[in-house]
Amino acid sequence: LYNLTAAGIGHIDIYDHDTVDLSNLNRQILYQTQDIGKSKALTSAHKLSLLNPEIAIDGYPVMIDRSNIESLLSPYEIIVEGGDSPAGRNLINEFCLERNINFVHASAQFSYGYVFSVLPKRRTACFCCFFPTDYTREVSTGPVPVNTLSTSVAGALGAAEVMKYFLGYEENMLFNQRLCFSSLLLSSDFITENQPRRADCPVCSKIYN
């Protein structure tokens, strides 16, 4: 969000039903101790507006689910998904495929992470192609340790995907592949893993066809 705001992306909406917790502060550096207990979406929008008051930024303390996703997300040109719920990730994947909306997925755990993009109009590999056994899982495996290095790098890589899109470099986006980084405290390796679209994918094979 910092990167996209500083870059001047003209309209950013933030959806997050959660509130700031002390345990967030080691990795979600947009927040401070004085924000504990406040809405993440509203707090983010306020702080980012101070960084760049010339763009439109709004926060919505709302949980996106099947009952509201159509009304909330239909207008957007590109969506960045960074939640921690497998059900939420798969919901965003299906919705974007059905509506031909590009989306970026960025994730970090422990000291590693990855990013990739899904471009429905190009019929690229979807989220389920990357995680074929995960698309029906509703419950998260629970919290895992993560630090500011991995979340910052994953977030910057996700922002880079959005910048590529708006600057006309869609061809250079990370589709049909994901960029992974290992422990930044040990090897600092970056690896590109190819993932072609699966013909037997239980999600995109039905929607694309």
N, C-alpha and C. Protein backbone atom coordinates (compact mmCIF):
# COMPACT_ATOMS: atom_id res chain seq x y z
N LEU A 1 0.82 -1.21 0.00
CA LEU A 1 0.00 0.00 0.00
C LEU A 1 0.86 1.27 0.00
N TYR A 2 1.93 1.25 0.79
CA TYR A 2 2.85 2.40 0.77
C TYR A 2 3.41 2.63 -0.63
N ASN A 3 3.86 1.57 -1.26
CA ASN A 3 4.46 1.70 -2.58
C ASN A 3 3.47 2.21 -3.61
N LEU A 4 2.27 1.66 -3.60
CA LEU A 4 1.26 2.06 -4.58
C LEU A 4 0.82 3.50 -4.34
N THR A 5 0.72 3.87 -3.08
CA THR A 5 0.32 5.24 -2.75
C THR A 5 1.40 6.24 -3.16
N ALA A 6 2.65 5.92 -2.82
CA ALA A 6 3.75 6.82 -3.17
C ALA A 6 3.92 6.93 -4.68
N ALA A 7 3.61 5.84 -5.40
CA ALA A 7 3.74 5.85 -6.86
C ALA A 7 2.64 6.65 -7.53
N GLY A 8 1.54 6.90 -6.81
CA GLY A 8 0.48 7.72 -7.38
C GLY A 8 -0.61 6.95 -8.09
N ILE A 9 -0.79 5.67 -7.74
CA ILE A 9 -1.94 4.94 -8.28
C ILE A 9 -3.19 5.71 -7.89
N GLY A 10 -3.98 6.10 -8.87
CA GLY A 10 -4.99 7.13 -8.66
C GLY A 10 -6.13 6.79 -7.73
N HIS A 11 -6.53 5.53 -7.63
CA HIS A 11 -7.69 5.17 -6.82
C HIS A 11 -7.42 3.84 -6.16
N ILE A 12 -7.35 3.85 -4.83
CA ILE A 12 -7.07 2.64 -4.05
C ILE A 12 -8.16 2.47 -3.01
N ASP A 13 -8.81 1.32 -3.02
CA ASP A 13 -9.76 0.97 -1.96
C ASP A 13 -9.21 -0.20 -1.17
N ILE A 14 -9.38 -0.14 0.15
CA ILE A 14 -8.83 -1.15 1.05
C ILE A 14 -9.98 -1.83 1.78
N TYR A 15 -10.05 -3.15 1.68
CA TYR A 15 -11.08 -3.92 2.39
C TYR A 15 -10.41 -4.79 3.44
N ASP A 16 -10.75 -4.57 4.69
CA ASP A 16 -10.21 -5.39 5.78
C ASP A 16 -11.14 -5.24 6.98
N HIS A 17 -11.72 -6.33 7.43
CA HIS A 17 -12.66 -6.28 8.54
C HIS A 17 -11.97 -6.30 9.89
N ASP A 18 -10.65 -6.52 9.90
CA ASP A 18 -9.90 -6.75 11.13
C ASP A 18 -9.51 -5.44 11.81
N THR A 19 -9.11 -5.55 13.06
CA THR A 19 -8.57 -4.41 13.81
C THR A 19 -7.10 -4.67 14.10
N VAL A 20 -6.37 -3.60 14.39
CA VAL A 20 -4.94 -3.69 14.65
C VAL A 20 -4.71 -4.37 15.99
N ASP A 21 -3.79 -5.33 15.99
CA ASP A 21 -3.43 -6.06 17.20
C ASP A 21 -1.94 -5.90 17.44
N LEU A 22 -1.53 -6.02 18.69
CA LEU A 22 -0.12 -5.88 19.02
C LEU A 22 0.74 -6.84 18.21
N SER A 23 0.22 -8.04 17.97
CA SER A 23 1.00 -9.05 17.25
C SER A 23 1.21 -8.70 15.78
N ASN A 24 0.47 -7.71 15.26
CA ASN A 24 0.63 -7.30 13.86
C ASN A 24 1.86 -6.42 13.64
N LEU A 25 2.32 -5.78 14.69
CA LEU A 25 3.25 -4.66 14.52
C LEU A 25 4.64 -5.08 14.06
N ASN A 26 5.00 -6.36 14.23
CA ASN A 26 6.33 -6.79 13.80
C ASN A 26 6.42 -6.97 12.29
N ARG A 27 5.28 -6.96 11.60
CA ARG A 27 5.31 -7.22 10.16
C ARG A 27 4.43 -6.28 9.35
N GLN A 28 3.42 -5.68 9.97
CA GLN A 28 2.53 -4.76 9.27
C GLN A 28 2.91 -3.33 9.67
N ILE A 29 3.96 -2.84 9.03
CA ILE A 29 4.62 -1.63 9.52
C ILE A 29 3.87 -0.35 9.19
N LEU A 30 2.72 -0.47 8.57
CA LEU A 30 1.87 0.70 8.37
C LEU A 30 1.28 1.18 9.70
N TYR A 31 1.20 0.26 10.69
CA TYR A 31 0.54 0.58 11.96
C TYR A 31 1.55 0.84 13.08
N GLN A 32 1.06 1.55 14.11
CA GLN A 32 1.86 1.87 15.28
C GLN A 32 1.10 1.42 16.53
N THR A 33 1.77 1.47 17.68
CA THR A 33 1.14 1.02 18.93
C THR A 33 -0.13 1.82 19.23
N GLN A 34 -0.17 3.07 18.85
CA GLN A 34 -1.34 3.90 19.11
C GLN A 34 -2.56 3.49 18.28
N ASP A 35 -2.32 2.62 17.28
CA ASP A 35 -3.42 2.17 16.42
C ASP A 35 -4.06 0.88 16.91
N ILE A 36 -3.52 0.27 17.95
CA ILE A 36 -4.06 -1.00 18.43
C ILE A 36 -5.55 -0.84 18.78
N GLY A 37 -6.34 -1.76 18.26
CA GLY A 37 -7.78 -1.72 18.49
C GLY A 37 -8.56 -0.98 17.42
N LYS A 38 -7.88 -0.25 16.56
CA LYS A 38 -8.56 0.51 15.52
C LYS A 38 -8.75 -0.34 14.25
N SER A 39 -9.67 0.09 13.42
CA SER A 39 -9.91 -0.58 12.14
C SER A 39 -8.68 -0.49 11.25
N LYS A 40 -8.26 -1.63 10.72
CA LYS A 40 -7.11 -1.63 9.82
C LYS A 40 -7.42 -0.86 8.54
N ALA A 41 -8.59 -1.06 7.98
CA ALA A 41 -8.93 -0.42 6.72
C ALA A 41 -8.98 1.10 6.86
N LEU A 42 -9.67 1.57 7.89
CA LEU A 42 -9.82 3.01 8.07
C LEU A 42 -8.49 3.66 8.47
N THR A 43 -7.74 2.99 9.32
CA THR A 43 -6.43 3.52 9.73
C THR A 43 -5.49 3.59 8.54
N SER A 44 -5.48 2.55 7.73
CA SER A 44 -4.62 2.54 6.54
C SER A 44 -4.97 3.68 5.60
N ALA A 45 -6.26 3.84 5.31
CA ALA A 45 -6.69 4.88 4.39
C ALA A 45 -6.29 6.26 4.89
N HIS A 46 -6.44 6.49 6.19
CA HIS A 46 -6.08 7.79 6.76
C HIS A 46 -4.59 8.07 6.62
N LYS A 47 -3.76 7.10 6.98
CA LYS A 47 -2.32 7.32 6.94
C LYS A 47 -1.81 7.47 5.51
N LEU A 48 -2.35 6.68 4.63
CA LEU A 48 -1.91 6.76 3.24
C LEU A 48 -2.35 8.06 2.59
N SER A 49 -3.49 8.59 2.99
CA SER A 49 -3.94 9.88 2.47
C SER A 49 -3.00 11.00 2.88
N LEU A 50 -2.40 10.87 4.05
CA LEU A 50 -1.41 11.86 4.49
C LEU A 50 -0.15 11.77 3.65
N LEU A 51 0.19 10.56 3.21
CA LEU A 51 1.36 10.37 2.36
C LEU A 51 1.13 10.96 0.98
N ASN A 52 -0.05 10.76 0.42
CA ASN A 52 -0.35 11.27 -0.92
C ASN A 52 -1.80 11.74 -0.97
N PRO A 53 -2.05 13.00 -0.64
CA PRO A 53 -3.42 13.52 -0.63
C PRO A 53 -4.01 13.77 -2.01
N GLU A 54 -3.23 13.56 -3.05
CA GLU A 54 -3.70 13.85 -4.41
C GLU A 54 -4.38 12.66 -5.08
N ILE A 55 -4.44 11.52 -4.40
CA ILE A 55 -5.13 10.36 -4.96
C ILE A 55 -6.30 9.98 -4.06
N ALA A 56 -7.18 9.18 -4.58
CA ALA A 56 -8.37 8.77 -3.83
C ALA A 56 -8.11 7.46 -3.11
N ILE A 57 -8.20 7.47 -1.79
CA ILE A 57 -7.98 6.27 -0.98
C ILE A 57 -9.13 6.15 0.00
N ASP A 58 -9.78 5.00 -0.01
CA ASP A 58 -10.88 4.76 0.92
C ASP A 58 -10.70 3.41 1.60
N GLY A 59 -11.09 3.34 2.86
CA GLY A 59 -11.01 2.10 3.61
C GLY A 59 -12.40 1.60 3.98
N TYR A 60 -12.60 0.31 3.89
CA TYR A 60 -13.89 -0.30 4.19
C TYR A 60 -13.69 -1.46 5.17
N PRO A 61 -14.15 -1.31 6.42
CA PRO A 61 -14.00 -2.39 7.41
C PRO A 61 -15.03 -3.49 7.19
N VAL A 62 -14.90 -4.17 6.09
CA VAL A 62 -15.90 -5.15 5.65
C VAL A 62 -15.20 -6.47 5.32
N MET A 63 -15.83 -7.58 5.70
CA MET A 63 -15.35 -8.89 5.28
C MET A 63 -16.00 -9.25 3.95
N ILE A 64 -15.19 -9.58 2.96
CA ILE A 64 -15.71 -9.95 1.65
C ILE A 64 -16.10 -11.42 1.67
N ASP A 65 -17.33 -11.70 1.26
CA ASP A 65 -17.81 -13.07 1.18
C ASP A 65 -18.69 -13.22 -0.05
N ARG A 66 -19.29 -14.38 -0.20
CA ARG A 66 -20.08 -14.64 -1.41
C ARG A 66 -21.32 -13.76 -1.51
N SER A 67 -21.77 -13.24 -0.39
CA SER A 67 -22.99 -12.42 -0.42
C SER A 67 -22.74 -11.00 -0.89
N ASN A 68 -21.48 -10.52 -0.80
CA ASN A 68 -21.24 -9.11 -1.14
C ASN A 68 -20.13 -8.89 -2.17
N ILE A 69 -19.44 -9.96 -2.57
CA ILE A 69 -18.27 -9.77 -3.42
C ILE A 69 -18.64 -9.13 -4.76
N GLU A 70 -19.77 -9.47 -5.31
CA GLU A 70 -20.19 -8.90 -6.59
C GLU A 70 -20.37 -7.40 -6.51
N SER A 71 -21.06 -6.94 -5.49
CA SER A 71 -21.32 -5.51 -5.36
C SER A 71 -20.07 -4.73 -4.97
N LEU A 72 -19.15 -5.36 -4.24
CA LEU A 72 -17.97 -4.64 -3.76
C LEU A 72 -16.84 -4.59 -4.77
N LEU A 73 -16.57 -5.69 -5.46
CA LEU A 73 -15.35 -5.78 -6.25
C LEU A 73 -15.54 -5.68 -7.76
N SER A 74 -16.75 -5.68 -8.23
CA SER A 74 -16.98 -5.63 -9.68
C SER A 74 -16.35 -4.42 -10.38
N PRO A 75 -16.30 -3.24 -9.77
CA PRO A 75 -15.82 -2.06 -10.50
C PRO A 75 -14.31 -2.02 -10.75
N TYR A 76 -13.53 -2.90 -10.12
CA TYR A 76 -12.09 -2.70 -10.13
C TYR A 76 -11.40 -3.27 -11.36
N GLU A 77 -10.27 -2.64 -11.70
CA GLU A 77 -9.49 -3.05 -12.85
C GLU A 77 -8.46 -4.11 -12.48
N ILE A 78 -7.96 -4.04 -11.26
CA ILE A 78 -7.01 -5.03 -10.77
C ILE A 78 -7.17 -5.13 -9.26
N ILE A 79 -7.04 -6.33 -8.74
CA ILE A 79 -7.23 -6.59 -7.31
C ILE A 79 -5.97 -7.22 -6.76
N VAL A 80 -5.52 -6.74 -5.60
CA VAL A 80 -4.40 -7.35 -4.90
C VAL A 80 -4.96 -8.12 -3.72
N GLU A 81 -4.72 -9.41 -3.70
CA GLU A 81 -5.25 -10.28 -2.64
C GLU A 81 -4.11 -10.64 -1.70
N GLY A 82 -4.30 -10.32 -0.43
CA GLY A 82 -3.25 -10.60 0.55
C GLY A 82 -3.80 -11.11 1.85
N GLY A 83 -4.92 -11.80 1.80
CA GLY A 83 -5.54 -12.30 3.03
C GLY A 83 -4.86 -13.56 3.55
N ASP A 84 -5.34 -14.03 4.69
CA ASP A 84 -4.75 -15.23 5.30
C ASP A 84 -5.73 -16.39 5.37
N SER A 85 -6.86 -16.28 4.66
CA SER A 85 -7.87 -17.33 4.68
C SER A 85 -7.87 -18.08 3.35
N PRO A 86 -7.73 -19.41 3.36
CA PRO A 86 -7.79 -20.16 2.10
C PRO A 86 -9.13 -20.00 1.39
N ALA A 87 -10.21 -19.94 2.16
CA ALA A 87 -11.53 -19.75 1.55
C ALA A 87 -11.61 -18.39 0.87
N GLY A 88 -11.05 -17.36 1.50
CA GLY A 88 -11.07 -16.03 0.92
C GLY A 88 -10.23 -15.94 -0.34
N ARG A 89 -9.09 -16.59 -0.34
CA ARG A 89 -8.23 -16.57 -1.52
C ARG A 89 -8.90 -17.25 -2.70
N ASN A 90 -9.51 -18.38 -2.44
CA ASN A 90 -10.18 -19.10 -3.51
C ASN A 90 -11.43 -18.38 -4.01
N LEU A 91 -12.09 -17.67 -3.11
CA LEU A 91 -13.24 -16.88 -3.51
C LEU A 91 -12.82 -15.76 -4.47
N ILE A 92 -11.74 -15.06 -4.13
CA ILE A 92 -11.23 -14.00 -4.99
C ILE A 92 -10.81 -14.58 -6.34
N ASN A 93 -10.17 -15.72 -6.32
CA ASN A 93 -9.74 -16.37 -7.56
C ASN A 93 -10.93 -16.65 -8.47
N GLU A 94 -11.95 -17.28 -7.96
CA GLU A 94 -13.12 -17.61 -8.77
C GLU A 94 -13.82 -16.37 -9.28
N PHE A 95 -13.97 -15.37 -8.42
CA PHE A 95 -14.66 -14.14 -8.82
C PHE A 95 -13.90 -13.44 -9.95
N CYS A 96 -12.58 -13.30 -9.80
CA CYS A 96 -11.80 -12.60 -10.82
C CYS A 96 -11.81 -13.36 -12.15
N LEU A 97 -11.78 -14.67 -12.09
CA LEU A 97 -11.85 -15.46 -13.32
C LEU A 97 -13.19 -15.24 -14.02
N GLU A 98 -14.26 -15.26 -13.26
CA GLU A 98 -15.60 -15.10 -13.85
C GLU A 98 -15.82 -13.71 -14.41
N ARG A 99 -15.17 -12.70 -13.82
CA ARG A 99 -15.38 -11.31 -14.23
C ARG A 99 -14.26 -10.75 -15.09
N ASN A 100 -13.29 -11.58 -15.43
CA ASN A 100 -12.14 -11.14 -16.23
C ASN A 100 -11.40 -9.97 -15.59
N ILE A 101 -11.20 -10.05 -14.27
CA ILE A 101 -10.48 -9.02 -13.54
C ILE A 101 -9.10 -9.58 -13.16
N ASN A 102 -8.06 -8.85 -13.49
CA ASN A 102 -6.71 -9.28 -13.12
C ASN A 102 -6.53 -9.21 -11.61
N PHE A 103 -5.78 -10.17 -11.08
CA PHE A 103 -5.47 -10.05 -9.66
C PHE A 103 -4.07 -10.55 -9.36
N VAL A 104 -3.52 -9.99 -8.28
CA VAL A 104 -2.17 -10.29 -7.82
C VAL A 104 -2.28 -10.95 -6.46
N HIS A 105 -1.54 -12.02 -6.29
CA HIS A 105 -1.50 -12.71 -5.00
C HIS A 105 -0.09 -12.62 -4.44
N ALA A 106 0.04 -12.06 -3.25
CA ALA A 106 1.34 -11.97 -2.57
C ALA A 106 1.20 -12.61 -1.19
N SER A 107 2.21 -13.37 -0.81
CA SER A 107 2.13 -14.08 0.46
C SER A 107 3.51 -14.18 1.09
N ALA A 108 3.53 -14.23 2.42
CA ALA A 108 4.78 -14.40 3.15
C ALA A 108 4.52 -15.22 4.40
N GLN A 109 5.43 -16.13 4.69
CA GLN A 109 5.42 -16.92 5.91
C GLN A 109 6.85 -17.07 6.39
N PHE A 110 7.02 -17.13 7.71
CA PHE A 110 8.36 -17.26 8.27
C PHE A 110 9.26 -16.20 7.62
N SER A 111 10.34 -16.61 6.95
CA SER A 111 11.22 -15.65 6.27
C SER A 111 11.22 -15.85 4.76
N TYR A 112 10.16 -16.43 4.22
CA TYR A 112 10.09 -16.61 2.78
C TYR A 112 8.74 -16.14 2.26
N GLY A 113 8.62 -16.05 0.96
CA GLY A 113 7.35 -15.63 0.38
C GLY A 113 7.37 -15.75 -1.12
N TYR A 114 6.30 -15.31 -1.75
CA TYR A 114 6.19 -15.41 -3.20
C TYR A 114 5.11 -14.46 -3.70
N VAL A 115 5.09 -14.27 -5.02
CA VAL A 115 4.07 -13.45 -5.65
C VAL A 115 3.81 -13.98 -7.05
N PHE A 116 2.56 -13.91 -7.49
CA PHE A 116 2.22 -14.21 -8.88
C PHE A 116 0.95 -13.46 -9.24
N SER A 117 0.70 -13.37 -10.54
CA SER A 117 -0.48 -12.67 -11.04
C SER A 117 -1.35 -13.63 -11.86
N VAL A 118 -2.63 -13.38 -11.85
CA VAL A 118 -3.59 -14.13 -12.65
C VAL A 118 -4.26 -13.16 -13.61
N LEU A 119 -4.14 -13.44 -14.91
CA LEU A 119 -4.70 -12.56 -15.94
C LEU A 119 -5.75 -13.33 -16.73
N PRO A 120 -7.00 -13.26 -16.34
CA PRO A 120 -8.05 -14.08 -16.96
C PRO A 120 -8.20 -13.90 -18.46
N LYS A 121 -8.02 -12.68 -18.96
CA LYS A 121 -8.19 -12.46 -20.39
C LYS A 121 -7.12 -13.18 -21.20
N ARG A 122 -5.99 -13.49 -20.55
CA ARG A 122 -4.93 -14.24 -21.21
C ARG A 122 -5.05 -15.74 -20.92
N ARG A 123 -6.05 -16.12 -20.16
CA ARG A 123 -6.26 -17.53 -19.80
C ARG A 123 -5.03 -18.11 -19.11
N THR A 124 -4.51 -17.37 -18.13
CA THR A 124 -3.31 -17.82 -17.44
C THR A 124 -3.66 -18.79 -16.30
N ALA A 125 -2.63 -19.39 -15.74
CA ALA A 125 -2.82 -20.26 -14.57
C ALA A 125 -3.48 -19.47 -13.46
N CYS A 126 -4.44 -20.09 -12.78
CA CYS A 126 -5.15 -19.42 -11.70
C CYS A 126 -4.58 -19.86 -10.36
N PHE A 127 -5.14 -19.33 -9.30
CA PHE A 127 -4.68 -19.66 -7.96
C PHE A 127 -4.77 -21.16 -7.71
N CYS A 128 -5.83 -21.79 -8.18
CA CYS A 128 -6.02 -23.22 -7.98
C CYS A 128 -5.02 -24.04 -8.77
N CYS A 129 -4.53 -23.53 -9.89
CA CYS A 129 -3.48 -24.23 -10.65
C CYS A 129 -2.21 -24.34 -9.81
N PHE A 130 -1.94 -23.31 -9.03
CA PHE A 130 -0.77 -23.34 -8.16
C PHE A 130 -1.00 -24.22 -6.94
N PHE A 131 -2.23 -24.26 -6.45
CA PHE A 131 -2.55 -25.01 -5.24
C PHE A 131 -3.76 -25.90 -5.51
N PRO A 132 -3.58 -26.96 -6.30
CA PRO A 132 -4.73 -27.76 -6.75
C PRO A 132 -5.45 -28.55 -5.67
N THR A 133 -4.79 -28.80 -4.54
CA THR A 133 -5.45 -29.56 -3.47
C THR A 133 -6.02 -28.65 -2.40
N ASP A 134 -5.94 -27.35 -2.64
CA ASP A 134 -6.28 -26.38 -1.59
C ASP A 134 -7.61 -25.67 -1.83
N TYR A 135 -8.20 -25.86 -3.00
CA TYR A 135 -9.30 -24.97 -3.38
C TYR A 135 -10.58 -25.22 -2.60
N THR A 136 -10.71 -26.36 -1.94
CA THR A 136 -11.91 -26.62 -1.14
C THR A 136 -11.68 -26.41 0.35
N ARG A 137 -10.45 -26.05 0.72
CA ARG A 137 -10.14 -25.91 2.14
C ARG A 137 -10.73 -24.61 2.68
N GLU A 138 -11.52 -24.72 3.72
CA GLU A 138 -12.18 -23.55 4.30
C GLU A 138 -11.41 -22.96 5.47
N VAL A 139 -10.73 -23.83 6.22
CA VAL A 139 -10.12 -23.41 7.48
C VAL A 139 -8.62 -23.22 7.31
N SER A 140 -8.11 -22.13 7.87
CA SER A 140 -6.69 -21.86 7.83
C SER A 140 -5.96 -22.83 8.76
N THR A 141 -4.68 -23.07 8.46
CA THR A 141 -3.88 -23.93 9.32
C THR A 141 -3.46 -23.22 10.60
N GLY A 142 -3.82 -21.96 10.72
CA GLY A 142 -3.49 -21.21 11.93
C GLY A 142 -2.34 -20.25 11.72
N PRO A 143 -2.04 -19.41 12.70
CA PRO A 143 -0.99 -18.41 12.56
C PRO A 143 0.39 -19.06 12.46
N VAL A 144 1.26 -18.42 11.69
CA VAL A 144 2.64 -18.87 11.57
C VAL A 144 3.55 -17.67 11.80
N PRO A 145 4.77 -17.91 12.29
CA PRO A 145 5.71 -16.80 12.49
C PRO A 145 6.05 -16.15 11.16
N VAL A 146 6.18 -14.86 11.17
CA VAL A 146 6.57 -14.12 9.97
C VAL A 146 7.20 -12.82 10.43
N ASN A 147 8.14 -12.31 9.65
CA ASN A 147 8.81 -11.08 10.07
C ASN A 147 8.69 -9.99 9.03
N THR A 148 9.14 -8.82 9.39
CA THR A 148 8.98 -7.65 8.53
C THR A 148 9.75 -7.75 7.22
N LEU A 149 10.84 -8.51 7.20
CA LEU A 149 11.61 -8.64 5.96
C LEU A 149 10.79 -9.33 4.88
N SER A 150 10.18 -10.46 5.23
CA SER A 150 9.44 -11.22 4.23
C SER A 150 8.18 -10.51 3.79
N THR A 151 7.45 -9.91 4.73
CA THR A 151 6.22 -9.21 4.33
C THR A 151 6.53 -7.97 3.50
N SER A 152 7.61 -7.28 3.84
CA SER A 152 7.97 -6.08 3.08
C SER A 152 8.37 -6.42 1.66
N VAL A 153 9.15 -7.49 1.50
CA VAL A 153 9.58 -7.89 0.16
C VAL A 153 8.39 -8.39 -0.65
N ALA A 154 7.56 -9.25 -0.05
CA ALA A 154 6.38 -9.75 -0.77
C ALA A 154 5.46 -8.61 -1.16
N GLY A 155 5.27 -7.65 -0.26
CA GLY A 155 4.42 -6.51 -0.56
C GLY A 155 4.98 -5.65 -1.69
N ALA A 156 6.29 -5.45 -1.69
CA ALA A 156 6.92 -4.65 -2.74
C ALA A 156 6.81 -5.36 -4.09
N LEU A 157 7.00 -6.68 -4.10
CA LEU A 157 6.86 -7.44 -5.33
C LEU A 157 5.43 -7.41 -5.85
N GLY A 158 4.46 -7.46 -4.94
CA GLY A 158 3.06 -7.36 -5.35
C GLY A 158 2.75 -5.99 -5.94
N ALA A 159 3.29 -4.95 -5.31
CA ALA A 159 3.10 -3.59 -5.84
C ALA A 159 3.74 -3.45 -7.21
N ALA A 160 4.87 -4.11 -7.42
CA ALA A 160 5.54 -4.04 -8.72
C ALA A 160 4.65 -4.63 -9.81
N GLU A 161 3.90 -5.69 -9.49
CA GLU A 161 2.99 -6.27 -10.47
C GLU A 161 1.92 -5.27 -10.89
N VAL A 162 1.39 -4.55 -9.93
CA VAL A 162 0.37 -3.53 -10.23
C VAL A 162 0.97 -2.42 -11.08
N MET A 163 2.18 -2.00 -10.73
CA MET A 163 2.84 -0.95 -11.50
C MET A 163 3.10 -1.39 -12.94
N LYS A 164 3.52 -2.64 -13.12
CA LYS A 164 3.73 -3.15 -14.48
C LYS A 164 2.44 -3.03 -15.30
N TYR A 165 1.34 -3.40 -14.67
CA TYR A 165 0.06 -3.39 -15.38
C TYR A 165 -0.30 -1.97 -15.82
N PHE A 166 -0.26 -1.02 -14.91
CA PHE A 166 -0.70 0.34 -15.23
C PHE A 166 0.29 1.09 -16.12
N LEU A 167 1.55 0.68 -16.11
CA LEU A 167 2.54 1.34 -16.96
C LEU A 167 2.68 0.70 -18.33
N GLY A 168 1.86 -0.33 -18.59
CA GLY A 168 1.86 -0.94 -19.91
C GLY A 168 2.84 -2.08 -20.09
N TYR A 169 3.30 -2.67 -18.98
CA TYR A 169 4.24 -3.79 -19.07
C TYR A 169 3.58 -5.09 -18.62
N GLU A 170 2.35 -5.29 -19.03
CA GLU A 170 1.62 -6.49 -18.64
C GLU A 170 2.35 -7.76 -19.06
N GLU A 171 3.04 -7.70 -20.20
CA GLU A 171 3.76 -8.87 -20.69
C GLU A 171 4.85 -9.33 -19.71
N ASN A 172 5.31 -8.41 -18.88
CA ASN A 172 6.37 -8.73 -17.93
C ASN A 172 5.85 -9.15 -16.55
N MET A 173 4.54 -9.22 -16.40
CA MET A 173 3.99 -9.62 -15.12
C MET A 173 4.24 -11.11 -14.87
N LEU A 174 4.16 -11.51 -13.64
CA LEU A 174 4.47 -12.88 -13.24
C LEU A 174 3.24 -13.77 -13.38
N PHE A 175 2.88 -14.07 -14.62
CA PHE A 175 1.78 -15.00 -14.84
C PHE A 175 2.33 -16.32 -15.36
N ASN A 176 1.64 -17.40 -15.04
CA ASN A 176 2.11 -18.76 -15.33
C ASN A 176 3.45 -19.06 -14.68
N GLN A 177 3.74 -18.32 -13.63
CA GLN A 177 4.96 -18.52 -12.86
C GLN A 177 4.81 -17.76 -11.55
N ARG A 178 5.63 -18.11 -10.60
CA ARG A 178 5.66 -17.31 -9.37
C ARG A 178 7.10 -17.05 -8.97
N LEU A 179 7.31 -15.87 -8.46
CA LEU A 179 8.63 -15.47 -7.99
C LEU A 179 8.70 -15.74 -6.49
N CYS A 180 9.61 -16.60 -6.10
CA CYS A 180 9.73 -17.00 -4.70
C CYS A 180 11.06 -16.51 -4.13
N PHE A 181 11.05 -16.16 -2.88
CA PHE A 181 12.30 -15.86 -2.20
C PHE A 181 12.39 -16.69 -0.94
N SER A 182 13.59 -17.20 -0.68
CA SER A 182 13.81 -18.02 0.49
C SER A 182 14.20 -17.14 1.67
N SER A 183 14.68 -17.74 2.73
CA SER A 183 14.99 -16.98 3.93
C SER A 183 15.98 -15.86 3.64
N LEU A 184 15.55 -14.64 3.85
CA LEU A 184 16.42 -13.49 3.61
C LEU A 184 17.53 -13.42 4.64
N LEU A 185 17.36 -14.14 5.74
CA LEU A 185 18.38 -14.13 6.79
C LEU A 185 19.48 -15.14 6.52
N LEU A 186 19.25 -16.04 5.55
CA LEU A 186 20.22 -17.09 5.28
C LEU A 186 20.77 -17.01 3.86
N SER A 187 19.95 -17.37 2.86
CA SER A 187 20.47 -17.49 1.50
C SER A 187 20.17 -16.29 0.61
N SER A 188 19.08 -15.62 0.88
CA SER A 188 18.65 -14.48 0.06
C SER A 188 18.40 -14.85 -1.40
N ASP A 189 18.02 -16.10 -1.66
CA ASP A 189 17.80 -16.56 -3.03
C ASP A 189 16.43 -16.16 -3.55
N PHE A 190 16.37 -15.79 -4.83
CA PHE A 190 15.12 -15.58 -5.54
C PHE A 190 15.02 -16.65 -6.63
N ILE A 191 13.88 -17.32 -6.70
CA ILE A 191 13.69 -18.41 -7.65
C ILE A 191 12.37 -18.21 -8.39
N THR A 192 12.39 -18.43 -9.71
CA THR A 192 11.16 -18.38 -10.49
C THR A 192 10.69 -19.81 -10.76
N GLU A 193 9.48 -20.12 -10.32
CA GLU A 193 8.89 -21.44 -10.53
C GLU A 193 7.80 -21.34 -11.59
N ASN A 194 7.96 -22.04 -12.68
CA ASN A 194 6.96 -22.03 -13.74
C ASN A 194 5.73 -22.85 -13.35
N GLN A 195 4.56 -22.34 -13.72
CA GLN A 195 3.32 -23.06 -13.46
C GLN A 195 2.36 -22.82 -14.61
N PRO A 196 2.39 -23.67 -15.63
CA PRO A 196 1.43 -23.53 -16.73
C PRO A 196 0.02 -23.83 -16.24
N ARG A 197 -0.95 -23.32 -16.97
CA ARG A 197 -2.34 -23.59 -16.59
C ARG A 197 -2.63 -25.08 -16.69
N ARG A 198 -3.29 -25.60 -15.67
CA ARG A 198 -3.62 -27.03 -15.62
C ARG A 198 -4.91 -27.29 -16.40
N ALA A 199 -4.83 -28.19 -17.37
CA ALA A 199 -6.02 -28.53 -18.16
C ALA A 199 -7.09 -29.17 -17.30
N ASP A 200 -6.66 -29.80 -16.20
CA ASP A 200 -7.62 -30.46 -15.31
C ASP A 200 -7.95 -29.65 -14.07
N CYS A 201 -7.61 -28.36 -14.10
CA CYS A 201 -7.89 -27.51 -12.92
C CYS A 201 -9.39 -27.50 -12.66
N PRO A 202 -9.81 -27.78 -11.43
CA PRO A 202 -11.24 -27.83 -11.14
C PRO A 202 -11.94 -26.47 -11.15
N VAL A 203 -11.15 -25.39 -11.24
CA VAL A 203 -11.74 -24.06 -11.23
C VAL A 203 -11.66 -23.40 -12.61
N CYS A 204 -10.46 -23.06 -13.06
CA CYS A 204 -10.35 -22.26 -14.29
C CYS A 204 -10.69 -23.07 -15.54
N SER A 205 -10.53 -24.39 -15.52
CA SER A 205 -10.87 -25.16 -16.71
C SER A 205 -12.38 -25.07 -17.02
N LYS A 206 -13.19 -24.93 -15.99
CA LYS A 206 -14.62 -24.79 -16.20
C LYS A 206 -15.01 -23.38 -16.63
N ILE A 207 -14.33 -22.38 -16.05
CA ILE A 207 -14.67 -21.00 -16.34
C ILE A 207 -14.13 -20.58 -17.71
N TYR A 208 -12.89 -20.94 -18.02
CA TYR A 208 -12.30 -20.56 -19.31
C TYR A 208 -13.03 -21.24 -20.47
N ASN A 209 -13.51 -22.44 -20.26
CA ASN A 209 -14.17 -23.16 -21.34
C ASN A 209 -15.66 -22.82 -21.43
